[in-house]
């Protein structure tokens, strides 16, 4: 009497187990990445206020920004991972029957990074080269979120008697490091975010 031959292959069970393990690992990695992103992007990111103050013939920008910085980002900063903030200013003349005309457009860039030698957080104005040295990450982030008395525009560019709209937007980058450091800091979750525009009316 001939024994019935099994139609199942020993490789089929192994392949199924391997496929299941791979799917589990992919799902776990996705959850871990989502967790890192959620922690890193903790909180609102928006320009809360903005204005242009005229002094000595020059308009100075003041702006308050809510930064989305959680504990994961603070730990990364302490390890030397940089945080970059860009502030875009757009100024347009308001016209009734025609599209608004652009008067000025500029970008201000800041970079925050920890210096292990001095054990200080260095906030650098990338446009002017000016630097501030802070002792704690909280103090550095507070200074970064408050833009004060930034000269941006000459008074002559805004003739009186006309109406203008000024808009400010912030962009934040975290974890942008050279490849050599990326190998050492494989755990860093790089991300980028843009805020909405904050707009107000200006009439000299």
N, C-alpha and C. Protein backbone atom coordinates (compact mmCIF):
# COMPACT_ATOMS: atom_id res chain seq x y z
N UNK A 1 0.86 -1.19 0.00
CA UNK A 1 0.00 0.00 0.00
C UNK A 1 0.88 1.23 0.00
N UNK A 2 0.64 2.08 -0.97
CA UNK A 2 1.48 3.25 -1.09
C UNK A 2 1.05 4.33 -0.11
N UNK A 3 2.04 4.94 0.56
CA UNK A 3 1.74 6.03 1.50
C UNK A 3 1.42 7.29 0.72
N UNK A 4 0.47 8.07 1.24
CA UNK A 4 0.07 9.32 0.57
C UNK A 4 1.19 10.35 0.70
N UNK A 5 1.54 10.96 -0.42
CA UNK A 5 2.65 11.93 -0.44
C UNK A 5 2.12 13.29 0.01
N UNK A 6 2.85 13.91 0.89
CA UNK A 6 2.45 15.25 1.38
C UNK A 6 2.71 16.29 0.30
N UNK A 7 1.74 17.19 0.10
CA UNK A 7 1.88 18.25 -0.92
C UNK A 7 2.50 19.51 -0.37
N UNK A 8 2.74 19.56 0.94
CA UNK A 8 3.33 20.77 1.52
C UNK A 8 4.84 20.70 1.46
N UNK A 9 5.47 21.83 1.18
CA UNK A 9 6.92 21.91 1.09
C UNK A 9 7.49 22.41 2.40
N UNK A 10 8.62 21.85 2.86
CA UNK A 10 9.22 22.34 4.10
C UNK A 10 9.65 23.80 3.97
N UNK A 11 9.88 24.25 2.72
CA UNK A 11 10.29 25.65 2.54
C UNK A 11 9.13 26.61 2.71
N UNK A 12 7.89 26.10 2.49
CA UNK A 12 6.74 26.99 2.56
C UNK A 12 6.55 27.53 3.97
N UNK A 13 6.70 26.68 4.97
CA UNK A 13 6.55 27.13 6.35
C UNK A 13 7.65 28.11 6.74
N UNK A 14 8.87 27.85 6.30
CA UNK A 14 9.99 28.75 6.61
C UNK A 14 9.79 30.11 5.96
N UNK A 15 9.33 30.09 4.70
CA UNK A 15 9.09 31.36 3.99
C UNK A 15 8.00 32.17 4.67
N UNK A 16 6.95 31.47 5.13
CA UNK A 16 5.86 32.17 5.81
C UNK A 16 6.33 32.82 7.09
N UNK A 17 7.14 32.03 7.86
CA UNK A 17 7.66 32.60 9.12
C UNK A 17 8.57 33.79 8.85
N UNK A 18 9.41 33.69 7.81
CA UNK A 18 10.32 34.78 7.47
C UNK A 18 9.54 36.01 7.04
N UNK A 19 8.51 35.82 6.21
CA UNK A 19 7.68 36.93 5.75
C UNK A 19 6.99 37.62 6.93
N UNK A 20 6.49 36.79 7.86
CA UNK A 20 5.83 37.35 9.03
C UNK A 20 6.80 38.16 9.88
N UNK A 21 8.03 37.64 10.04
CA UNK A 21 9.03 38.35 10.83
C UNK A 21 9.39 39.69 10.19
N UNK A 22 9.52 39.69 8.85
CA UNK A 22 9.85 40.92 8.15
C UNK A 22 8.73 41.95 8.28
N UNK A 23 7.49 41.48 8.15
CA UNK A 23 6.35 42.40 8.30
C UNK A 23 6.29 42.98 9.70
N UNK A 24 6.57 42.14 10.69
CA UNK A 24 6.57 42.62 12.08
C UNK A 24 7.65 43.66 12.30
N UNK A 25 8.86 43.40 11.76
CA UNK A 25 9.97 44.34 11.91
C UNK A 25 9.65 45.67 11.22
N UNK A 26 9.03 45.60 10.03
CA UNK A 26 8.68 46.83 9.32
C UNK A 26 7.65 47.63 10.09
N UNK A 27 6.65 46.92 10.65
CA UNK A 27 5.62 47.62 11.42
C UNK A 27 6.21 48.24 12.67
N UNK A 28 7.11 47.52 13.35
CA UNK A 28 7.74 48.06 14.55
C UNK A 28 8.59 49.28 14.22
N UNK A 29 9.31 49.21 13.09
CA UNK A 29 10.13 50.35 12.68
C UNK A 29 9.29 51.56 12.37
N UNK A 30 8.15 51.33 11.72
CA UNK A 30 7.25 52.45 11.39
C UNK A 30 6.69 53.09 12.65
N UNK A 31 6.32 52.24 13.62
CA UNK A 31 5.80 52.78 14.89
C UNK A 31 6.88 53.55 15.63
N UNK A 32 8.11 53.04 15.62
CA UNK A 32 9.20 53.74 16.29
C UNK A 32 9.49 55.07 15.63
N UNK A 33 9.50 55.09 14.29
CA UNK A 33 9.74 56.35 13.58
C UNK A 33 8.64 57.36 13.86
N UNK A 34 7.39 56.87 13.87
CA UNK A 34 6.27 57.77 14.16
C UNK A 34 6.38 58.32 15.57
N UNK A 35 6.81 57.47 16.51
CA UNK A 35 6.98 57.93 17.88
C UNK A 35 8.05 59.00 17.97
N UNK A 36 9.17 58.80 17.28
CA UNK A 36 10.25 59.79 17.28
C UNK A 36 9.78 61.10 16.67
N UNK A 37 9.03 61.00 15.57
CA UNK A 37 8.55 62.22 14.94
C UNK A 37 7.58 62.95 15.85
N UNK A 38 6.71 62.19 16.50
CA UNK A 38 5.73 62.83 17.38
C UNK A 38 6.43 63.53 18.53
N UNK A 39 7.45 62.87 19.09
CA UNK A 39 8.16 63.48 20.21
C UNK A 39 8.97 64.68 19.74
N UNK A 40 9.61 64.55 18.57
CA UNK A 40 10.44 65.64 18.09
C UNK A 40 9.62 66.85 17.68
N UNK A 41 8.43 66.61 17.13
CA UNK A 41 7.59 67.69 16.63
C UNK A 41 6.54 68.10 17.65
N UNK A 42 6.82 67.85 18.90
CA UNK A 42 5.87 68.12 19.96
C UNK A 42 5.51 69.61 20.01
N UNK A 43 4.21 69.93 20.07
CA UNK A 43 3.78 71.30 20.24
C UNK A 43 3.47 72.01 18.92
N UNK A 44 2.90 73.20 19.05
CA UNK A 44 2.55 74.00 17.88
C UNK A 44 3.78 74.67 17.29
N UNK A 45 3.72 74.89 16.00
CA UNK A 45 4.77 75.66 15.32
C UNK A 45 4.08 76.76 14.54
N UNK A 46 4.20 77.98 15.02
CA UNK A 46 3.56 79.10 14.36
C UNK A 46 4.21 80.40 14.76
N UNK A 47 4.03 81.40 13.89
CA UNK A 47 4.43 82.77 14.22
C UNK A 47 3.25 83.39 14.97
N UNK A 48 3.44 83.68 16.24
CA UNK A 48 2.34 84.15 17.06
C UNK A 48 2.08 85.64 16.89
N UNK A 49 3.13 86.41 16.60
CA UNK A 49 2.97 87.85 16.44
C UNK A 49 4.11 88.40 15.60
N UNK A 50 3.88 89.56 15.01
CA UNK A 50 4.91 90.23 14.22
C UNK A 50 4.57 91.69 14.01
N UNK A 51 5.59 92.52 13.96
CA UNK A 51 5.38 93.95 13.67
C UNK A 51 6.68 94.56 13.18
N UNK A 52 6.55 95.71 12.53
CA UNK A 52 7.69 96.47 12.05
C UNK A 52 7.73 97.80 12.79
N UNK A 53 8.84 98.06 13.45
CA UNK A 53 9.00 99.26 14.26
C UNK A 53 10.00 100.20 13.57
N UNK A 54 9.58 101.44 13.31
CA UNK A 54 10.44 102.41 12.62
C UNK A 54 11.28 103.19 13.63
N UNK A 55 12.60 103.11 13.46
CA UNK A 55 13.53 103.84 14.33
C UNK A 55 14.72 104.31 13.50
N UNK A 56 15.02 105.59 13.59
CA UNK A 56 16.19 106.16 12.91
C UNK A 56 16.19 105.86 11.41
N UNK A 57 15.00 105.91 10.81
CA UNK A 57 14.90 105.73 9.37
C UNK A 57 14.95 104.31 8.89
N UNK A 58 14.90 103.34 9.82
CA UNK A 58 14.98 101.93 9.45
C UNK A 58 13.86 101.16 10.15
N UNK A 59 13.19 100.27 9.41
CA UNK A 59 12.18 99.40 10.00
C UNK A 59 12.85 98.18 10.62
N UNK A 60 12.46 97.89 11.88
CA UNK A 60 13.00 96.74 12.60
C UNK A 60 11.89 95.72 12.83
N UNK A 61 12.22 94.45 12.58
CA UNK A 61 11.23 93.38 12.73
C UNK A 61 11.26 92.81 14.14
N UNK A 62 10.06 92.63 14.69
CA UNK A 62 9.87 91.92 15.96
C UNK A 62 8.89 90.77 15.68
N UNK A 63 9.21 89.58 16.16
CA UNK A 63 8.34 88.43 15.94
C UNK A 63 8.49 87.44 17.09
N UNK A 64 7.39 86.81 17.43
CA UNK A 64 7.40 85.74 18.44
C UNK A 64 6.98 84.44 17.77
N UNK A 65 7.78 83.39 17.99
CA UNK A 65 7.56 82.11 17.32
C UNK A 65 7.40 81.00 18.36
N UNK A 66 6.39 80.18 18.18
CA UNK A 66 6.23 78.96 18.97
C UNK A 66 6.99 77.84 18.27
N UNK A 67 8.04 77.33 18.90
CA UNK A 67 8.87 76.29 18.30
C UNK A 67 8.38 74.90 18.73
N UNK A 68 8.33 73.95 17.78
CA UNK A 68 7.85 72.59 18.10
C UNK A 68 8.98 71.71 18.61
N UNK A 69 9.51 72.03 19.77
CA UNK A 69 10.70 71.34 20.26
C UNK A 69 10.33 70.50 21.49
N UNK A 70 10.42 69.17 21.33
CA UNK A 70 10.17 68.25 22.43
C UNK A 70 11.46 67.78 23.08
N UNK A 71 11.32 66.83 24.01
CA UNK A 71 12.48 66.34 24.75
C UNK A 71 13.49 65.64 23.84
N UNK A 72 13.00 64.96 22.78
CA UNK A 72 13.92 64.27 21.87
C UNK A 72 14.84 65.25 21.17
N UNK A 73 14.30 66.39 20.75
CA UNK A 73 15.12 67.40 20.08
C UNK A 73 16.10 68.02 21.06
N UNK A 74 15.67 68.26 22.28
CA UNK A 74 16.58 68.83 23.28
C UNK A 74 17.74 67.88 23.55
N UNK A 75 17.45 66.57 23.62
CA UNK A 75 18.54 65.60 23.81
C UNK A 75 19.48 65.61 22.62
N UNK A 76 18.91 65.72 21.41
CA UNK A 76 19.75 65.77 20.23
C UNK A 76 20.63 67.01 20.21
N UNK A 77 20.07 68.15 20.60
CA UNK A 77 20.87 69.37 20.67
C UNK A 77 22.04 69.20 21.64
N UNK A 78 21.79 68.56 22.77
CA UNK A 78 22.85 68.34 23.76
C UNK A 78 23.96 67.45 23.22
N UNK A 79 23.64 66.64 22.18
CA UNK A 79 24.64 65.77 21.55
C UNK A 79 25.33 66.45 20.37
N UNK A 80 24.95 67.70 20.09
CA UNK A 80 25.61 68.43 19.01
C UNK A 80 24.84 68.50 17.71
N UNK A 81 23.60 67.99 17.69
CA UNK A 81 22.79 68.05 16.47
C UNK A 81 22.27 69.48 16.30
N UNK A 82 22.44 70.10 15.13
CA UNK A 82 22.04 71.51 14.95
C UNK A 82 20.55 71.68 14.71
N UNK A 83 20.06 72.85 15.08
CA UNK A 83 18.69 73.26 14.81
C UNK A 83 18.76 74.58 14.05
N UNK A 84 18.13 74.64 12.89
CA UNK A 84 18.18 75.83 12.04
C UNK A 84 16.79 76.44 11.90
N UNK A 85 16.73 77.76 12.03
CA UNK A 85 15.47 78.47 11.87
C UNK A 85 15.63 79.52 10.78
N UNK A 86 14.70 79.50 9.82
CA UNK A 86 14.65 80.53 8.78
C UNK A 86 13.39 81.36 8.96
N UNK A 87 13.56 82.67 8.82
CA UNK A 87 12.44 83.58 8.95
C UNK A 87 12.31 84.34 7.64
N UNK A 88 11.17 84.12 6.94
CA UNK A 88 10.91 84.80 5.67
C UNK A 88 10.01 86.00 5.91
N UNK A 89 10.41 87.15 5.37
CA UNK A 89 9.60 88.37 5.43
C UNK A 89 9.24 88.78 4.01
N UNK A 90 7.95 89.00 3.79
CA UNK A 90 7.45 89.42 2.49
C UNK A 90 6.62 90.68 2.68
N UNK A 91 6.94 91.73 1.92
CA UNK A 91 6.25 93.01 2.06
C UNK A 91 5.68 93.41 0.71
N UNK A 92 4.35 93.69 0.67
CA UNK A 92 3.69 94.04 -0.57
C UNK A 92 2.88 95.33 -0.41
N UNK A 93 2.82 96.09 -1.50
CA UNK A 93 1.95 97.26 -1.53
C UNK A 93 0.55 96.81 -1.96
N UNK A 94 -0.45 97.20 -1.18
CA UNK A 94 -1.83 96.81 -1.47
C UNK A 94 -2.41 97.73 -2.54
N UNK A 95 -2.94 97.12 -3.63
CA UNK A 95 -3.55 97.89 -4.70
C UNK A 95 -5.00 97.43 -4.88
N UNK A 96 -5.87 98.36 -5.26
CA UNK A 96 -7.29 98.08 -5.31
C UNK A 96 -7.69 97.24 -6.52
N UNK A 97 -7.33 97.68 -7.70
CA UNK A 97 -7.78 97.03 -8.92
C UNK A 97 -6.75 96.11 -9.55
N UNK A 98 -5.55 96.14 -9.04
CA UNK A 98 -4.47 95.31 -9.56
C UNK A 98 -3.93 94.40 -8.46
N UNK A 99 -3.24 93.32 -8.84
CA UNK A 99 -2.61 92.48 -7.82
C UNK A 99 -1.60 93.29 -7.00
N UNK A 100 -1.41 92.89 -5.78
CA UNK A 100 -0.42 93.55 -4.94
C UNK A 100 0.96 93.48 -5.58
N UNK A 101 1.74 94.53 -5.35
CA UNK A 101 3.10 94.57 -5.89
C UNK A 101 4.11 94.37 -4.76
N UNK A 102 5.07 93.52 -5.01
CA UNK A 102 6.07 93.20 -3.98
C UNK A 102 7.05 94.35 -3.83
N UNK A 103 7.27 94.74 -2.59
CA UNK A 103 8.21 95.82 -2.27
C UNK A 103 9.55 95.25 -1.82
N UNK A 104 9.49 94.22 -1.00
CA UNK A 104 10.73 93.63 -0.47
C UNK A 104 10.48 92.19 -0.06
N UNK A 105 11.54 91.40 -0.11
CA UNK A 105 11.49 90.01 0.32
C UNK A 105 12.86 89.62 0.85
N UNK A 106 12.90 89.06 2.04
CA UNK A 106 14.19 88.68 2.61
C UNK A 106 14.04 87.47 3.50
N UNK A 107 15.16 86.79 3.73
CA UNK A 107 15.19 85.61 4.59
C UNK A 107 16.29 85.79 5.63
N UNK A 108 15.92 85.60 6.88
CA UNK A 108 16.87 85.65 7.99
C UNK A 108 17.08 84.23 8.50
N UNK A 109 18.33 83.83 8.68
CA UNK A 109 18.63 82.45 9.04
C UNK A 109 19.42 82.41 10.35
N UNK A 110 18.98 81.53 11.26
CA UNK A 110 19.65 81.32 12.54
C UNK A 110 20.02 79.84 12.68
N UNK A 111 21.12 79.60 13.40
CA UNK A 111 21.57 78.21 13.63
C UNK A 111 21.93 78.05 15.11
N UNK A 112 21.34 77.05 15.73
CA UNK A 112 21.60 76.76 17.15
C UNK A 112 22.31 75.42 17.25
N UNK A 113 23.46 75.41 17.96
CA UNK A 113 24.21 74.17 18.10
C UNK A 113 25.02 74.21 19.40
N UNK A 114 25.15 73.04 20.00
CA UNK A 114 25.90 72.92 21.25
C UNK A 114 27.39 72.77 20.97
N UNK A 115 28.20 73.54 21.73
CA UNK A 115 29.65 73.46 21.62
C UNK A 115 30.18 72.70 22.82
N UNK A 116 30.68 71.48 22.57
CA UNK A 116 31.12 70.63 23.68
C UNK A 116 32.36 71.18 24.37
N UNK A 117 33.19 71.93 23.66
CA UNK A 117 34.42 72.47 24.25
C UNK A 117 34.10 73.52 25.31
N UNK A 118 33.20 74.44 24.97
CA UNK A 118 32.83 75.50 25.91
C UNK A 118 31.65 75.12 26.78
N UNK A 119 31.00 74.00 26.46
CA UNK A 119 29.79 73.56 27.18
C UNK A 119 28.73 74.65 27.14
N UNK A 120 28.58 75.29 25.97
CA UNK A 120 27.60 76.37 25.79
C UNK A 120 26.82 76.12 24.50
N UNK A 121 25.61 76.64 24.47
CA UNK A 121 24.79 76.60 23.27
C UNK A 121 25.03 77.89 22.48
N UNK A 122 25.43 77.75 21.22
CA UNK A 122 25.77 78.90 20.39
C UNK A 122 24.65 79.16 19.40
N UNK A 123 24.07 80.36 19.50
CA UNK A 123 23.04 80.79 18.56
C UNK A 123 23.68 81.79 17.61
N UNK A 124 23.74 81.44 16.34
CA UNK A 124 24.43 82.25 15.34
C UNK A 124 23.44 82.83 14.33
N UNK A 125 23.56 84.13 14.11
CA UNK A 125 22.85 84.79 13.02
C UNK A 125 23.66 84.54 11.74
N UNK A 126 23.14 83.71 10.86
CA UNK A 126 23.90 83.31 9.67
C UNK A 126 24.04 84.46 8.67
N UNK A 127 23.17 85.46 8.74
CA UNK A 127 23.25 86.59 7.83
C UNK A 127 24.35 87.56 8.23
N UNK A 128 24.45 87.85 9.53
CA UNK A 128 25.41 88.85 10.01
C UNK A 128 26.65 88.24 10.64
N UNK A 129 26.57 86.97 11.05
CA UNK A 129 27.69 86.34 11.73
C UNK A 129 27.70 86.58 13.23
N UNK A 130 26.76 87.34 13.74
CA UNK A 130 26.71 87.62 15.17
C UNK A 130 26.32 86.36 15.94
N UNK A 131 26.93 86.17 17.12
CA UNK A 131 26.68 84.98 17.91
C UNK A 131 26.29 85.33 19.34
N UNK A 132 25.46 84.48 19.91
CA UNK A 132 25.11 84.56 21.33
C UNK A 132 25.47 83.23 21.97
N UNK A 133 26.01 83.28 23.20
CA UNK A 133 26.39 82.08 23.93
C UNK A 133 25.46 81.92 25.13
N UNK A 134 24.79 80.76 25.19
CA UNK A 134 23.82 80.50 26.26
C UNK A 134 24.22 79.27 27.06
N UNK A 135 23.89 79.28 28.35
CA UNK A 135 24.30 78.20 29.24
C UNK A 135 23.36 77.01 29.24
N UNK A 136 22.10 77.20 28.89
CA UNK A 136 21.13 76.10 28.91
C UNK A 136 20.37 76.05 27.59
N UNK A 137 19.82 74.88 27.27
CA UNK A 137 19.05 74.73 26.04
C UNK A 137 17.75 75.51 26.13
N UNK A 138 17.19 75.62 27.34
CA UNK A 138 15.96 76.39 27.50
C UNK A 138 16.18 77.86 27.19
N UNK A 139 17.28 78.42 27.68
CA UNK A 139 17.59 79.82 27.41
C UNK A 139 17.85 80.05 25.93
N UNK A 140 18.53 79.10 25.29
CA UNK A 140 18.83 79.23 23.86
C UNK A 140 17.56 79.18 23.02
N UNK A 141 16.65 78.26 23.34
CA UNK A 141 15.40 78.14 22.58
C UNK A 141 14.50 79.36 22.82
N UNK A 142 14.53 79.89 24.03
CA UNK A 142 13.74 81.09 24.30
C UNK A 142 14.24 82.27 23.48
N UNK A 143 15.56 82.43 23.40
CA UNK A 143 16.13 83.51 22.60
C UNK A 143 15.84 83.31 21.12
N UNK A 144 15.89 82.06 20.66
CA UNK A 144 15.62 81.76 19.25
C UNK A 144 14.18 82.07 18.88
N UNK A 145 13.28 81.89 19.80
CA UNK A 145 11.86 82.10 19.52
C UNK A 145 11.44 83.57 19.57
N UNK A 146 12.33 84.45 20.05
CA UNK A 146 12.00 85.87 20.14
C UNK A 146 12.94 86.69 19.25
N UNK A 147 12.43 87.13 18.11
CA UNK A 147 13.22 87.98 17.22
C UNK A 147 12.93 89.42 17.60
N UNK A 148 13.95 90.17 17.96
CA UNK A 148 13.76 91.53 18.44
C UNK A 148 14.73 92.50 17.73
N UNK A 149 14.16 93.61 17.29
CA UNK A 149 14.95 94.73 16.74
C UNK A 149 15.86 94.28 15.59
N UNK A 150 15.33 93.48 14.70
CA UNK A 150 16.10 93.04 13.54
C UNK A 150 15.92 94.04 12.41
N UNK A 151 16.96 94.79 12.03
CA UNK A 151 16.83 95.78 10.94
C UNK A 151 16.59 95.08 9.60
N UNK A 152 15.51 95.48 8.91
CA UNK A 152 15.15 94.78 7.68
C UNK A 152 14.89 95.68 6.48
N UNK A 153 14.53 96.95 6.73
CA UNK A 153 14.04 97.74 5.60
C UNK A 153 14.28 99.23 5.83
N UNK A 154 14.74 99.91 4.76
CA UNK A 154 14.92 101.36 4.85
C UNK A 154 13.58 102.08 4.68
N UNK A 155 13.42 103.15 5.41
CA UNK A 155 12.16 103.90 5.39
C UNK A 155 11.81 104.39 3.99
N UNK A 156 12.79 104.70 3.18
CA UNK A 156 12.54 105.26 1.84
C UNK A 156 11.81 104.29 0.92
N UNK A 157 11.82 102.99 1.24
CA UNK A 157 11.15 102.00 0.39
C UNK A 157 9.65 101.96 0.61
N UNK A 158 9.18 102.64 1.65
CA UNK A 158 7.74 102.66 1.95
C UNK A 158 7.24 104.10 2.01
N UNK A 159 6.93 104.68 0.87
CA UNK A 159 6.41 106.06 0.86
C UNK A 159 5.12 106.16 1.67
N UNK A 160 4.92 107.25 2.40
CA UNK A 160 3.71 107.41 3.21
C UNK A 160 2.46 107.58 2.35
N UNK A 161 1.30 107.36 2.99
CA UNK A 161 0.04 107.52 2.29
C UNK A 161 -0.40 106.29 1.53
N UNK A 162 0.33 105.21 1.61
CA UNK A 162 -0.03 103.97 0.94
C UNK A 162 -0.18 102.85 1.98
N UNK A 163 -0.90 101.81 1.59
CA UNK A 163 -1.13 100.69 2.51
C UNK A 163 -0.30 99.48 2.06
N UNK A 164 0.28 98.80 3.04
CA UNK A 164 1.15 97.66 2.76
C UNK A 164 0.71 96.47 3.62
N UNK A 165 1.07 95.29 3.14
CA UNK A 165 0.87 94.07 3.91
C UNK A 165 2.23 93.41 4.14
N UNK A 166 2.52 93.15 5.42
CA UNK A 166 3.75 92.46 5.79
C UNK A 166 3.40 91.05 6.25
N UNK A 167 4.17 90.07 5.80
CA UNK A 167 3.92 88.67 6.14
C UNK A 167 5.22 88.03 6.60
N UNK A 168 5.12 87.22 7.64
CA UNK A 168 6.28 86.50 8.19
C UNK A 168 5.94 85.02 8.29
N UNK A 169 6.90 84.19 7.86
CA UNK A 169 6.77 82.74 7.96
C UNK A 169 8.07 82.17 8.51
N UNK A 170 7.96 81.12 9.32
CA UNK A 170 9.15 80.48 9.88
C UNK A 170 9.30 79.07 9.32
N UNK A 171 10.56 78.65 9.16
CA UNK A 171 10.88 77.29 8.74
C UNK A 171 11.93 76.74 9.70
N UNK A 172 11.74 75.51 10.13
CA UNK A 172 12.69 74.92 11.06
C UNK A 172 13.21 73.60 10.51
N UNK A 173 14.53 73.41 10.62
CA UNK A 173 15.19 72.18 10.22
C UNK A 173 15.95 71.62 11.41
N UNK A 174 15.87 70.30 11.59
CA UNK A 174 16.59 69.66 12.68
C UNK A 174 17.25 68.38 12.16
N UNK A 175 18.50 68.17 12.58
CA UNK A 175 19.16 66.92 12.23
C UNK A 175 19.90 66.93 10.93
N UNK A 176 20.04 68.09 10.29
CA UNK A 176 20.78 68.16 9.03
C UNK A 176 22.28 68.21 9.34
N UNK A 177 22.92 67.04 9.29
CA UNK A 177 24.35 66.94 9.62
C UNK A 177 25.08 66.29 8.46
N UNK A 178 26.40 66.53 8.36
CA UNK A 178 27.19 65.87 7.30
C UNK A 178 27.10 64.35 7.41
N UNK A 179 27.39 63.68 6.29
CA UNK A 179 27.27 62.22 6.26
C UNK A 179 28.18 61.56 7.30
N UNK A 180 29.38 62.13 7.52
CA UNK A 180 30.29 61.54 8.50
C UNK A 180 29.68 61.52 9.89
N UNK A 181 28.95 62.59 10.23
CA UNK A 181 28.27 62.63 11.52
C UNK A 181 26.98 61.81 11.49
N UNK A 182 26.35 61.73 10.34
CA UNK A 182 25.12 60.95 10.22
C UNK A 182 25.39 59.48 10.59
N UNK A 183 26.57 58.97 10.22
CA UNK A 183 26.91 57.59 10.56
C UNK A 183 27.00 57.41 12.07
N UNK A 184 27.57 58.41 12.74
CA UNK A 184 27.70 58.33 14.20
C UNK A 184 26.38 58.61 14.90
N UNK A 185 25.55 59.46 14.27
CA UNK A 185 24.27 59.86 14.89
C UNK A 185 23.11 59.22 14.13
N UNK A 186 23.20 57.90 13.93
CA UNK A 186 22.18 57.19 13.16
C UNK A 186 20.81 57.28 13.82
N UNK A 187 20.77 57.56 15.11
CA UNK A 187 19.51 57.61 15.85
C UNK A 187 18.76 58.92 15.66
N UNK A 188 19.39 59.92 15.07
CA UNK A 188 18.76 61.24 14.93
C UNK A 188 17.68 61.19 13.86
N UNK A 189 16.51 61.68 14.18
CA UNK A 189 15.39 61.73 13.23
C UNK A 189 15.35 63.12 12.61
N UNK A 190 15.74 63.21 11.35
CA UNK A 190 15.78 64.51 10.67
C UNK A 190 14.38 64.92 10.24
N UNK A 191 14.05 66.20 10.45
CA UNK A 191 12.74 66.67 10.01
C UNK A 191 12.77 68.14 9.66
N UNK A 192 11.73 68.56 8.97
CA UNK A 192 11.60 69.94 8.51
C UNK A 192 10.13 70.34 8.59
N UNK A 193 9.89 71.58 9.04
CA UNK A 193 8.51 72.07 9.09
C UNK A 193 8.47 73.54 8.69
N UNK A 194 7.34 73.91 8.07
CA UNK A 194 7.06 75.31 7.73
C UNK A 194 5.83 75.76 8.50
N UNK A 195 5.87 76.99 9.00
CA UNK A 195 4.69 77.55 9.64
C UNK A 195 3.80 78.21 8.59
N UNK A 196 2.59 78.57 8.99
CA UNK A 196 1.75 79.39 8.13
C UNK A 196 2.26 80.83 8.15
N UNK A 197 1.79 81.61 7.19
CA UNK A 197 2.15 83.02 7.15
C UNK A 197 1.37 83.80 8.22
N UNK A 198 2.06 84.70 8.87
CA UNK A 198 1.41 85.66 9.78
C UNK A 198 1.44 87.02 9.07
N UNK A 199 0.26 87.62 8.85
CA UNK A 199 0.15 88.82 8.04
C UNK A 199 -0.51 89.95 8.82
N UNK A 200 0.01 91.15 8.62
CA UNK A 200 -0.60 92.34 9.21
C UNK A 200 -0.47 93.52 8.26
N UNK A 201 -1.29 94.55 8.52
CA UNK A 201 -1.32 95.74 7.65
C UNK A 201 -0.41 96.81 8.21
N UNK A 202 0.28 97.47 7.31
CA UNK A 202 1.20 98.54 7.66
C UNK A 202 0.89 99.77 6.82
N UNK A 203 0.72 100.92 7.49
CA UNK A 203 0.44 102.17 6.78
C UNK A 203 1.30 103.29 7.34
N UNK A 204 2.42 103.58 6.71
CA UNK A 204 3.35 104.61 7.22
C UNK A 204 2.68 105.99 7.32
